[in-house]
């Protein structure tokens, strides 16, 4: 793998399109699963949160397993591609069944949710971890890595946009019977079937489109070691001994705890606190992804001028401010009333700014982990992008799972009313709405201070990374001449 290798535009597109699948799945999962099972099917918030939390525990465990397994895999298709091909069909089937439960009681729906949430997330893990590890292997160039991560995030954002558009403009569009179309339980099955097909297609497109990169990718070093849980835990422990990675790991746990609660409660806030109709929810929901796409165009320049650490700190701080501001202004009566054009305009502007800035943190984080993998190789002699990105994904998913669990429990604690008859804010006590808003905004987002403090301890500079690459190049040359 060449330290200064640059990829063609088509090669970056072929890699990036694979992230569309995760954008589709994550958006639908985060936005709709809790709402569907709790509000539409009337499963208690605590049981829904517990089911999704259990799924995240399984998923979080499989992340480092998938990373270790693909790090050490040997085949004519390399380390990553076999998993990318094999995971697509199981993912599509399990995602479809998640939103297509048979007629069951609350306990039965609880078990169904656990089983298919676990299977959906596991299938995605077997694709996603090798895919993001592949991105770190395509080049070692400091700035080119930022570009590759940007492509990945742009396509992930595109997947999210497609999911939102299909949801609120097609399947959950307002009707006479359901002015809030997301309360129409019969629309979820065809919606899931459509997204399942799109996920399978985009995964296979990426796997096939990047097959020509296989000869340039690193292969496992040394003798093939048998797979074991002991090996996985040892590799994770060694990864966490890296000071910079350890602080990033802790920081991202805090971030995704916030993101988990935000995702789980977002549709509740938009439907009942802001009282947005499906078309307005679509406009609001696409503002942040559009901001992400535009913001990603500037990330490389920001890294070149200020480095990656300021990017992750700035993006995290800005996300929290944008999350808190509208709620606080409304509670202080400094925000436009519901059902006004001014309200939607302000919400869209703030959400756009949130996307524009948070992408600096997302791209910076992914690029920083790839640089840490180089530092780890110099220290240990092993290329283990999979274990680093698997551990990162572990912290992401376990924390967001705890966030979803907390959101479900919180809905029960504030006595949130459920059922398709709960159509607007008029059906909910004002005190309950205020409690929901405080949880969604200032209470949760205030923890960003902890995350920023953790990120401030990252200490791998551009100059040090360049020195690492020079030493790795020299070591590889020596190995090749022996």
Protein backbone atom coordinates (compact mmCIF):
# COMPACT_ATOMS: atom_id res chain seq x y z
CA UNK A 1 0.00 0.00 0.00
CA UNK A 2 1.58 3.26 -1.17
CA UNK A 3 1.82 6.03 1.38
CA UNK A 4 0.98 8.71 -1.20
CA UNK A 5 -1.39 6.71 -3.39
CA UNK A 6 -4.24 8.77 -4.87
CA UNK A 7 -7.46 7.17 -6.06
CA UNK A 8 -9.40 8.03 -9.20
CA UNK A 9 -12.82 9.62 -8.82
CA UNK A 10 -14.55 6.45 -10.00
CA UNK A 11 -12.65 4.41 -7.39
CA UNK A 12 -13.79 6.75 -4.62
CA UNK A 13 -17.37 6.60 -5.90
CA UNK A 14 -17.30 2.80 -6.02
CA UNK A 15 -16.13 2.69 -2.42
CA UNK A 16 -18.44 5.41 -1.15
CA UNK A 17 -21.66 4.00 -2.64
CA UNK A 18 -21.45 1.12 -0.18
CA UNK A 19 -22.19 3.49 2.69
CA UNK A 20 -25.62 4.19 1.18
CA UNK A 21 -26.82 0.91 2.68
CA UNK A 22 -25.88 1.93 6.20
CA UNK A 23 -27.43 5.36 5.67
CA UNK A 24 -30.70 3.70 4.65
CA UNK A 25 -30.67 1.28 7.56
CA UNK A 26 -29.49 3.69 10.26
CA UNK A 27 -31.97 6.41 9.31
CA UNK A 28 -34.95 4.07 9.22
CA UNK A 29 -33.78 2.24 12.34
CA UNK A 30 -33.08 5.35 14.38
CA UNK A 31 -36.08 7.35 13.22
CA UNK A 32 -38.85 4.78 13.05
CA UNK A 33 -38.29 1.56 15.02
CA UNK A 34 -39.06 2.91 18.50
CA UNK A 35 -41.92 5.05 17.18
CA UNK A 36 -43.42 2.11 15.25
CA UNK A 37 -43.33 -0.41 18.06
CA UNK A 38 -44.20 2.05 20.85
CA UNK A 39 -46.56 4.61 19.33
CA UNK A 40 -48.19 2.51 16.58
CA UNK A 41 -48.09 -1.06 17.96
CA UNK A 42 -48.38 0.17 21.58
CA UNK A 43 -45.52 -1.81 23.08
CA UNK A 44 -44.36 -0.05 26.25
CA UNK A 45 -41.45 2.36 25.88
CA UNK A 46 -39.42 0.45 28.48
CA UNK A 47 -39.84 -2.87 26.64
CA UNK A 48 -38.99 -1.23 23.30
CA UNK A 49 -35.91 0.42 24.76
CA UNK A 50 -34.90 -2.83 26.46
CA UNK A 51 -35.29 -4.81 23.21
CA UNK A 52 -33.23 -2.32 21.23
CA UNK A 53 -30.67 -2.16 24.03
CA UNK A 54 -30.29 -5.94 23.99
CA UNK A 55 -29.87 -5.83 20.21
CA UNK A 56 -27.16 -3.21 20.59
CA UNK A 57 -25.30 -5.32 23.16
CA UNK A 58 -25.14 -8.22 20.69
CA UNK A 59 -24.26 -5.83 17.88
CA UNK A 60 -21.55 -4.09 19.87
CA UNK A 61 -19.93 -7.43 20.69
CA UNK A 62 -19.98 -8.52 17.04
CA UNK A 63 -18.24 -5.32 15.89
CA UNK A 64 -14.75 -6.18 17.21
CA UNK A 65 -15.39 -9.82 16.26
CA UNK A 66 -16.08 -8.80 12.66
CA UNK A 67 -13.02 -6.53 12.70
CA UNK A 68 -10.71 -9.25 13.99
CA UNK A 69 -12.19 -11.89 11.68
CA UNK A 70 -11.72 -9.75 8.56
CA UNK A 71 -8.25 -8.56 9.68
CA UNK A 72 -7.08 -12.16 9.67
CA UNK A 73 -9.11 -13.52 6.74
CA UNK A 74 -7.19 -15.05 3.83
CA UNK A 75 -8.84 -15.59 0.44
CA UNK A 76 -8.42 -14.80 -3.24
CA UNK A 77 -10.87 -11.93 -2.64
CA UNK A 78 -8.70 -10.46 0.11
CA UNK A 79 -9.67 -9.70 3.69
CA UNK A 80 -12.76 -7.50 3.34
CA UNK A 81 -14.68 -8.37 0.17
CA UNK A 82 -15.96 -11.85 1.16
CA UNK A 83 -17.90 -10.29 4.06
CA UNK A 84 -19.23 -7.47 1.88
CA UNK A 85 -20.70 -9.95 -0.62
CA UNK A 86 -22.06 -12.42 1.93
CA UNK A 87 -23.87 -9.99 4.25
CA UNK A 88 -26.21 -8.31 1.76
CA UNK A 89 -29.06 -10.83 1.41
CA UNK A 90 -29.33 -11.68 5.14
CA UNK A 91 -29.41 -7.95 5.90
CA UNK A 92 -32.25 -7.31 3.45
CA UNK A 93 -34.36 -10.21 4.75
CA UNK A 94 -33.94 -9.36 8.43
CA UNK A 95 -34.63 -5.65 7.92
CA UNK A 96 -37.85 -6.48 6.06
CA UNK A 97 -39.03 -8.83 8.81
CA UNK A 98 -38.22 -6.24 11.50
CA UNK A 99 -40.98 -4.01 10.12
CA UNK A 100 -43.34 -6.89 9.26
CA UNK A 101 -44.29 -8.53 12.57
CA UNK A 102 -47.30 -10.88 12.66
CA UNK A 103 -50.25 -10.15 14.92
CA UNK A 104 -48.86 -10.75 18.39
CA UNK A 105 -49.40 -9.54 21.92
CA UNK A 106 -47.02 -7.15 23.65
CA UNK A 107 -44.71 -9.95 24.82
CA UNK A 108 -44.62 -11.51 21.38
CA UNK A 109 -43.83 -8.19 19.72
CA UNK A 110 -41.11 -7.58 22.31
CA UNK A 111 -39.46 -10.92 21.40
CA UNK A 112 -39.90 -10.28 17.66
CA UNK A 113 -38.26 -6.88 18.03
CA UNK A 114 -35.29 -8.37 19.91
CA UNK A 115 -34.72 -11.18 17.40
CA UNK A 116 -34.89 -9.16 14.21
CA UNK A 117 -33.17 -6.09 15.63
CA UNK A 118 -30.28 -8.37 16.63
CA UNK A 119 -30.17 -10.11 13.25
CA UNK A 120 -30.45 -6.87 11.27
CA UNK A 121 -27.67 -5.20 13.19
CA UNK A 122 -25.44 -8.28 13.06
CA UNK A 123 -25.82 -8.59 9.29
CA UNK A 124 -24.99 -4.89 8.89
CA UNK A 125 -21.94 -5.29 11.15
CA UNK A 126 -20.56 -8.09 8.99
CA UNK A 127 -20.69 -5.66 6.08
CA UNK A 128 -20.01 -2.30 7.67
CA UNK A 129 -16.87 -3.03 9.71
CA UNK A 130 -14.97 -4.61 6.78
CA UNK A 131 -16.19 -1.78 4.53
CA UNK A 132 -14.90 1.04 6.70
CA UNK A 133 -11.65 -0.87 7.30
CA UNK A 134 -11.29 -1.14 3.52
CA UNK A 135 -11.47 2.65 3.30
CA UNK A 136 -8.49 3.00 5.63
CA UNK A 137 -6.49 0.54 3.51
CA UNK A 138 -7.01 2.23 0.15
CA UNK A 139 -4.29 4.79 0.93
CA UNK A 140 -2.08 6.01 3.77
CA UNK A 141 -1.95 9.59 2.50
CA UNK A 142 -2.92 12.00 5.30
CA UNK A 143 -5.23 14.21 3.19
CA UNK A 144 -6.44 11.54 0.77
CA UNK A 145 -7.85 9.59 3.70
CA UNK A 146 -9.95 12.60 4.62
CA UNK A 147 -11.33 12.70 1.08
CA UNK A 148 -12.18 8.98 1.15
CA UNK A 149 -13.99 9.33 4.49
CA UNK A 150 -15.85 12.34 3.06
CA UNK A 151 -17.05 10.25 0.11
CA UNK A 152 -18.22 7.57 2.50
CA UNK A 153 -20.13 10.05 4.64
CA UNK A 154 -21.69 11.77 1.63
CA UNK A 155 -23.09 8.47 0.36
CA UNK A 156 -24.23 7.55 3.86
CA UNK A 157 -26.01 10.89 3.98
CA UNK A 158 -27.54 10.21 0.57
CA UNK A 159 -28.87 6.93 1.91
CA UNK A 160 -30.43 8.78 4.82
CA UNK A 161 -32.02 11.31 2.44
CA UNK A 162 -33.49 8.51 0.33
CA UNK A 163 -34.93 6.84 3.44
CA UNK A 164 -36.50 10.09 4.64
CA UNK A 165 -37.89 10.93 1.19
CA UNK A 166 -39.43 7.48 0.75
CA UNK A 167 -40.84 7.66 4.27
CA UNK A 168 -42.48 11.07 4.39
CA UNK A 169 -43.18 11.77 0.71
CA UNK A 170 -44.31 8.29 -0.33
CA UNK A 171 -45.17 5.68 2.28
CA UNK A 172 -46.08 7.95 5.23
CA UNK A 173 -47.47 10.88 3.26
CA UNK A 174 -50.43 12.61 4.90
CA UNK A 175 -53.86 11.22 4.08
CA UNK A 176 -57.42 11.91 5.17
CA UNK A 177 -57.34 8.96 7.56
CA UNK A 178 -53.78 9.61 8.78
CA UNK A 179 -52.79 13.33 8.70
CA UNK A 180 -49.62 12.15 10.44
CA UNK A 181 -48.80 9.32 8.03
CA UNK A 182 -46.20 7.78 10.32
CA UNK A 183 -49.13 6.51 12.43
CA UNK A 184 -50.32 4.33 9.52
CA UNK A 185 -49.15 0.87 10.58
CA UNK A 186 -49.84 -0.77 7.18
CA UNK A 187 -47.27 1.45 5.42
CA UNK A 188 -44.24 0.10 7.27
CA UNK A 189 -43.98 -3.28 5.48
CA UNK A 190 -43.75 -1.93 1.88
CA UNK A 191 -41.40 0.79 3.12
CA UNK A 192 -39.08 -1.84 4.62
CA UNK A 193 -39.21 -3.99 1.49
CA UNK A 194 -38.12 -1.06 -0.67
CA UNK A 195 -35.23 -0.15 1.60
CA UNK A 196 -34.14 -3.79 1.84
CA UNK A 197 -33.80 -4.02 -1.94
CA UNK A 198 -31.82 -0.77 -2.10
CA UNK A 199 -29.44 -1.95 0.64
CA UNK A 200 -28.67 -5.21 -1.15
CA UNK A 201 -28.05 -3.42 -4.46
CA UNK A 202 -25.72 -0.73 -3.06
CA UNK A 203 -23.67 -3.22 -1.02
CA UNK A 204 -23.07 -5.41 -4.05
CA UNK A 205 -22.28 -2.38 -6.21
CA UNK A 206 -19.55 -1.32 -3.79
CA UNK A 207 -18.10 -4.81 -3.41
CA UNK A 208 -18.01 -5.36 -7.17
CA UNK A 209 -16.81 -1.82 -7.91
CA UNK A 210 -13.83 -2.06 -5.53
CA UNK A 211 -12.70 -5.56 -6.54
CA UNK A 212 -9.83 -4.14 -8.61
CA UNK A 213 -8.34 -2.65 -5.44
CA UNK A 214 -7.75 -6.07 -3.89
CA UNK A 215 -4.17 -6.51 -5.25
CA UNK A 216 -3.17 -3.18 -3.66
CA UNK A 217 -4.56 -3.98 -0.20
CA UNK A 218 -2.45 -5.34 2.68
CA UNK A 219 -2.80 -8.99 3.61
CA UNK A 220 -2.48 -10.67 7.04
CA UNK A 221 1.11 -10.75 8.30
CA UNK A 222 2.67 -13.99 9.53
CA UNK A 223 1.06 -17.36 10.07
CA UNK A 224 -2.70 -17.66 10.01
CA UNK A 225 -3.99 -17.73 13.60
CA UNK A 226 -7.19 -19.63 14.45
CA UNK A 227 -10.13 -17.44 15.30
CA UNK A 228 -10.89 -17.19 19.01
CA UNK A 229 -12.57 -14.81 21.44
CA UNK A 230 -9.34 -14.61 23.40
CA UNK A 231 -7.55 -13.26 20.34
CA UNK A 232 -10.27 -10.67 19.75
CA UNK A 233 -10.21 -9.39 23.34
CA UNK A 234 -6.41 -9.28 23.26
CA UNK A 235 -6.48 -7.20 20.08
CA UNK A 236 -9.06 -4.81 21.52
CA UNK A 237 -7.00 -4.45 24.70
CA UNK A 238 -3.89 -3.63 22.66
CA UNK A 239 -5.84 -1.09 20.61
CA UNK A 240 -7.05 0.66 23.77
CA UNK A 241 -3.47 0.92 25.01
CA UNK A 242 -2.98 3.58 22.35
CA UNK A 243 -3.54 6.84 24.24
CA UNK A 244 -5.08 8.77 21.36
CA UNK A 245 -7.45 5.96 20.45
CA UNK A 246 -8.49 5.45 24.06
CA UNK A 247 -9.58 9.06 24.42
CA UNK A 248 -11.37 9.01 21.05
CA UNK A 249 -13.10 5.79 22.11
CA UNK A 250 -14.40 7.32 25.35
CA UNK A 251 -15.38 10.57 23.66
CA UNK A 252 -17.42 8.86 20.96
CA UNK A 253 -19.27 6.78 23.59
CA UNK A 254 -20.57 10.01 25.09
CA UNK A 255 -21.45 11.43 21.66
CA UNK A 256 -23.47 8.44 20.56
CA UNK A 257 -25.28 8.20 23.88
CA UNK A 258 -26.63 11.63 22.95
CA UNK A 259 -27.23 10.58 19.34
CA UNK A 260 -29.15 7.48 20.48
CA UNK A 261 -31.58 9.55 22.52
CA UNK A 262 -31.86 12.15 19.74
CA UNK A 263 -32.66 9.51 17.13
CA UNK A 264 -35.16 7.67 19.28
CA UNK A 265 -37.09 10.80 20.27
CA UNK A 266 -36.72 12.83 17.08
CA UNK A 267 -40.01 11.76 15.51
CA UNK A 268 -41.85 12.34 18.80
CA UNK A 269 -40.48 15.90 18.97
CA UNK A 270 -41.32 16.68 15.36
CA UNK A 271 -44.78 15.16 15.49
CA UNK A 272 -45.97 16.44 18.86
CA UNK A 273 -43.71 19.25 20.13
CA UNK A 274 -43.20 21.11 16.83
CA UNK A 275 -46.39 19.61 15.28
CA UNK A 276 -44.85 19.20 11.83
CA UNK A 277 -46.81 17.32 9.16
CA UNK A 278 -45.08 14.65 7.03
CA UNK A 279 -44.11 17.04 4.20
CA UNK A 280 -42.66 19.51 6.70
CA UNK A 281 -40.84 16.70 8.53
CA UNK A 282 -39.25 15.75 5.21
CA UNK A 283 -38.04 19.32 4.59
CA UNK A 284 -36.71 19.54 8.14
CA UNK A 285 -35.11 16.08 7.99
CA UNK A 286 -33.17 16.74 4.78
CA UNK A 287 -31.67 20.01 6.05
CA UNK A 288 -28.93 18.32 8.11
CA UNK A 289 -27.93 15.83 5.38
CA UNK A 290 -27.66 18.64 2.83
CA UNK A 291 -25.49 20.48 5.33
CA UNK A 292 -23.36 17.34 5.73
CA UNK A 293 -22.81 17.07 1.98
CA UNK A 294 -21.87 20.74 1.61
CA UNK A 295 -19.75 20.75 4.76
CA UNK A 296 -17.78 17.72 3.58
CA UNK A 297 -16.46 19.80 0.68
CA UNK A 298 -14.52 21.96 3.14
CA UNK A 299 -13.17 19.29 5.49
CA UNK A 300 -9.96 18.64 3.57
CA UNK A 301 -9.11 22.36 3.58
CA UNK A 302 -9.89 22.60 7.30
CA UNK A 303 -7.60 19.65 8.02
CA UNK A 304 -4.84 21.14 5.87
CA UNK A 305 -5.03 24.44 7.76
CA UNK A 306 -5.85 23.46 11.34
CA UNK A 307 -5.57 19.67 11.57
CA UNK A 308 -8.06 16.93 12.45
CA UNK A 309 -8.37 17.42 16.20
CA UNK A 310 -9.88 20.93 15.96
CA UNK A 311 -12.33 19.54 13.41
CA UNK A 312 -13.70 16.88 15.74
CA UNK A 313 -13.92 19.29 18.69
CA UNK A 314 -15.62 22.04 16.67
CA UNK A 315 -18.11 19.66 15.05
CA UNK A 316 -19.14 18.06 18.35
CA UNK A 317 -19.60 21.41 20.08
CA UNK A 318 -21.64 22.86 17.23
CA UNK A 319 -23.91 19.80 17.12
CA UNK A 320 -24.76 20.22 20.80
CA UNK A 321 -25.46 23.95 20.50
CA UNK A 322 -27.80 23.40 17.55
CA UNK A 323 -29.58 20.64 19.46
CA UNK A 324 -30.18 22.80 22.52
CA UNK A 325 -30.95 26.20 20.97
CA UNK A 326 -34.43 25.69 19.43
CA UNK A 327 -35.80 23.92 22.51
CA UNK A 328 -34.53 26.56 24.94
CA UNK A 329 -35.80 29.42 22.77
CA UNK A 330 -39.26 27.82 22.53
CA UNK A 331 -39.48 27.21 26.29
CA UNK A 332 -38.51 30.87 26.82
CA UNK A 333 -41.17 31.99 24.30
CA UNK A 334 -38.56 33.39 21.90
CA UNK A 335 -39.42 31.05 19.01
CA UNK A 336 -42.22 31.22 16.41
CA UNK A 337 -45.50 29.44 17.10
CA UNK A 338 -46.33 26.02 15.68
CA UNK A 339 -48.03 25.80 12.26
CA UNK A 340 -46.19 28.90 10.98
CA UNK A 341 -43.80 29.20 8.06
CA UNK A 342 -41.34 31.08 10.29
CA UNK A 343 -41.02 28.10 12.61
CA UNK A 344 -40.16 25.69 9.80
CA UNK A 345 -37.68 28.13 8.26
CA UNK A 346 -35.79 28.60 11.55
CA UNK A 347 -35.77 24.88 12.32
CA UNK A 348 -34.44 24.12 8.84
CA UNK A 349 -31.70 26.78 9.08
CA UNK A 350 -30.50 25.50 12.46
CA UNK A 351 -30.63 21.88 11.28
CA UNK A 352 -28.66 22.79 8.14
CA UNK A 353 -25.98 24.48 10.26
CA UNK A 354 -25.90 21.41 12.50
CA UNK A 355 -25.19 19.18 9.51
CA UNK A 356 -22.67 21.62 8.03
CA UNK A 357 -20.62 21.57 11.23
CA UNK A 358 -21.07 18.05 12.58
CA UNK A 359 -19.62 16.56 9.40
CA UNK A 360 -16.28 18.08 10.42
CA UNK A 361 -16.36 15.85 13.50
CA UNK A 362 -17.52 12.75 11.61
CA UNK A 363 -14.88 12.97 8.88
CA UNK A 364 -12.16 13.95 11.33
CA UNK A 365 -12.92 10.99 13.58
CA UNK A 366 -12.81 8.43 10.77
CA UNK A 367 -9.60 9.86 9.38
CA UNK A 368 -7.99 10.00 12.84
CA UNK A 369 -8.73 6.33 13.52
CA UNK A 370 -7.10 5.39 10.20
CA UNK A 371 -3.97 7.35 11.22
CA UNK A 372 -3.94 5.58 14.59
CA UNK A 373 -3.95 2.23 12.75
CA UNK A 374 -0.65 3.27 11.14
CA UNK A 375 0.76 4.16 14.55
CA UNK A 376 -0.36 0.75 15.82
CA UNK A 377 1.33 -1.02 12.91
CA UNK A 378 4.61 0.71 13.69
CA UNK A 379 4.36 -0.37 17.33
CA UNK A 380 3.18 -3.96 16.78
CA UNK A 381 3.97 -4.86 13.17
CA UNK A 382 0.30 -5.69 12.45
CA UNK A 383 -2.20 -4.07 10.09
CA UNK A 384 -5.44 -4.09 12.09
CA UNK A 385 -7.77 -1.45 10.72
CA UNK A 386 -10.66 -3.84 11.32
CA UNK A 387 -10.13 -4.07 15.05
CA UNK A 388 -9.83 -0.28 15.41
CA UNK A 389 -12.94 0.46 13.39
CA UNK A 390 -14.72 -2.48 15.03
CA UNK A 391 -13.92 -1.09 18.47
CA UNK A 392 -15.05 2.38 17.32
CA UNK A 393 -18.28 0.91 16.02
CA UNK A 394 -18.65 -0.96 19.33
CA UNK A 395 -18.51 2.31 21.27
CA UNK A 396 -20.89 3.95 18.80
CA UNK A 397 -23.52 1.23 18.89
CA UNK A 398 -23.35 0.34 22.56
CA UNK A 399 -23.74 3.98 23.52
CA UNK A 400 -26.55 4.66 21.06
CA UNK A 401 -28.24 1.49 22.34
CA UNK A 402 -28.07 2.81 25.87
CA UNK A 403 -29.47 6.08 24.56
CA UNK A 404 -32.40 4.27 22.94
CA UNK A 405 -33.01 2.31 26.14
CA UNK A 406 -32.92 5.55 28.15
CA UNK A 407 -35.36 7.16 25.71
CA UNK A 408 -37.81 4.27 26.01
CA UNK A 409 -37.69 4.28 29.80
CA UNK A 410 -38.06 8.07 29.85
CA UNK A 411 -41.24 7.86 27.75
CA UNK A 412 -42.77 5.60 30.38
CA UNK A 413 -41.52 7.75 33.27
CA UNK A 414 -43.23 10.84 31.86
CA UNK A 415 -46.39 8.77 31.16
CA UNK A 416 -46.27 9.32 27.41
CA UNK A 417 -49.64 8.39 25.82
CA UNK A 418 -49.48 5.84 22.96
CA UNK A 419 -51.76 4.67 20.15
CA UNK A 420 -52.75 5.87 16.69
CA UNK A 421 -55.41 8.13 18.23
CA UNK A 422 -52.70 10.41 19.71
CA UNK A 423 -52.56 12.76 16.71
CA UNK A 424 -51.27 16.12 18.00
CA UNK A 425 -50.00 18.14 20.95
CA UNK A 426 -53.62 18.69 22.00
CA UNK A 427 -53.77 15.02 22.97
CA UNK A 428 -50.78 15.29 25.34
CA UNK A 429 -50.48 17.17 28.67
CA UNK A 430 -48.35 20.34 28.35
CA UNK A 431 -46.12 19.26 31.23
CA UNK A 432 -45.38 15.96 29.47
CA UNK A 433 -44.38 17.78 26.27
CA UNK A 434 -42.06 20.06 28.23
CA UNK A 435 -40.39 17.10 29.93
CA UNK A 436 -39.86 15.46 26.53
CA UNK A 437 -38.31 18.63 25.12
CA UNK A 438 -35.95 19.12 28.05
CA UNK A 439 -34.71 15.56 27.74
CA UNK A 440 -34.25 15.82 23.96
CA UNK A 441 -32.45 19.17 24.10
CA UNK A 442 -30.47 20.65 27.00
CA UNK A 443 -30.33 17.67 29.40
CA UNK A 444 -28.79 15.21 26.95
CA UNK A 445 -26.80 17.53 24.69
CA UNK A 446 -25.03 19.14 27.62
CA UNK A 447 -22.89 16.01 27.91
CA UNK A 448 -21.02 17.16 24.79
CA UNK A 449 -18.71 19.00 27.19
CA UNK A 450 -17.40 15.62 28.39
CA UNK A 451 -16.86 14.41 24.84
CA UNK A 452 -14.93 17.54 23.84
CA UNK A 453 -12.71 17.18 26.91
CA UNK A 454 -11.89 13.60 25.87
CA UNK A 455 -11.08 14.62 22.30
CA UNK A 456 -8.69 17.29 23.57
CA UNK A 457 -6.34 14.49 24.72
CA UNK A 458 -5.74 13.20 21.17
CA UNK A 459 -2.05 13.82 20.40
CA UNK A 460 -1.21 12.33 16.97
CA UNK A 461 -0.16 15.33 14.87
CA UNK A 462 0.29 15.50 11.12
CA UNK A 463 4.05 15.76 11.53
CA UNK A 464 4.18 12.67 13.75
CA UNK A 465 2.01 10.74 11.31
CA UNK A 466 4.36 11.62 8.46
CA UNK A 467 7.28 10.33 10.51
CA UNK A 468 5.35 7.10 11.16
CA UNK A 469 4.74 6.60 7.43
CA UNK A 470 8.43 7.13 6.67
CA UNK A 471 9.41 4.51 9.25
CA UNK A 472 6.78 2.08 7.94
CA UNK A 473 8.00 2.54 4.38
CA UNK A 474 11.57 1.82 5.45
CA UNK A 475 10.50 -1.27 7.42
CA UNK A 476 8.45 -2.65 4.53
CA UNK A 477 11.34 -2.13 2.12
CA UNK A 478 13.60 -4.12 4.44
CA UNK A 479 11.04 -6.95 4.65
CA UNK A 480 10.70 -7.08 0.87
CA UNK A 481 14.49 -7.38 0.35
CA UNK A 482 14.89 -10.21 2.84
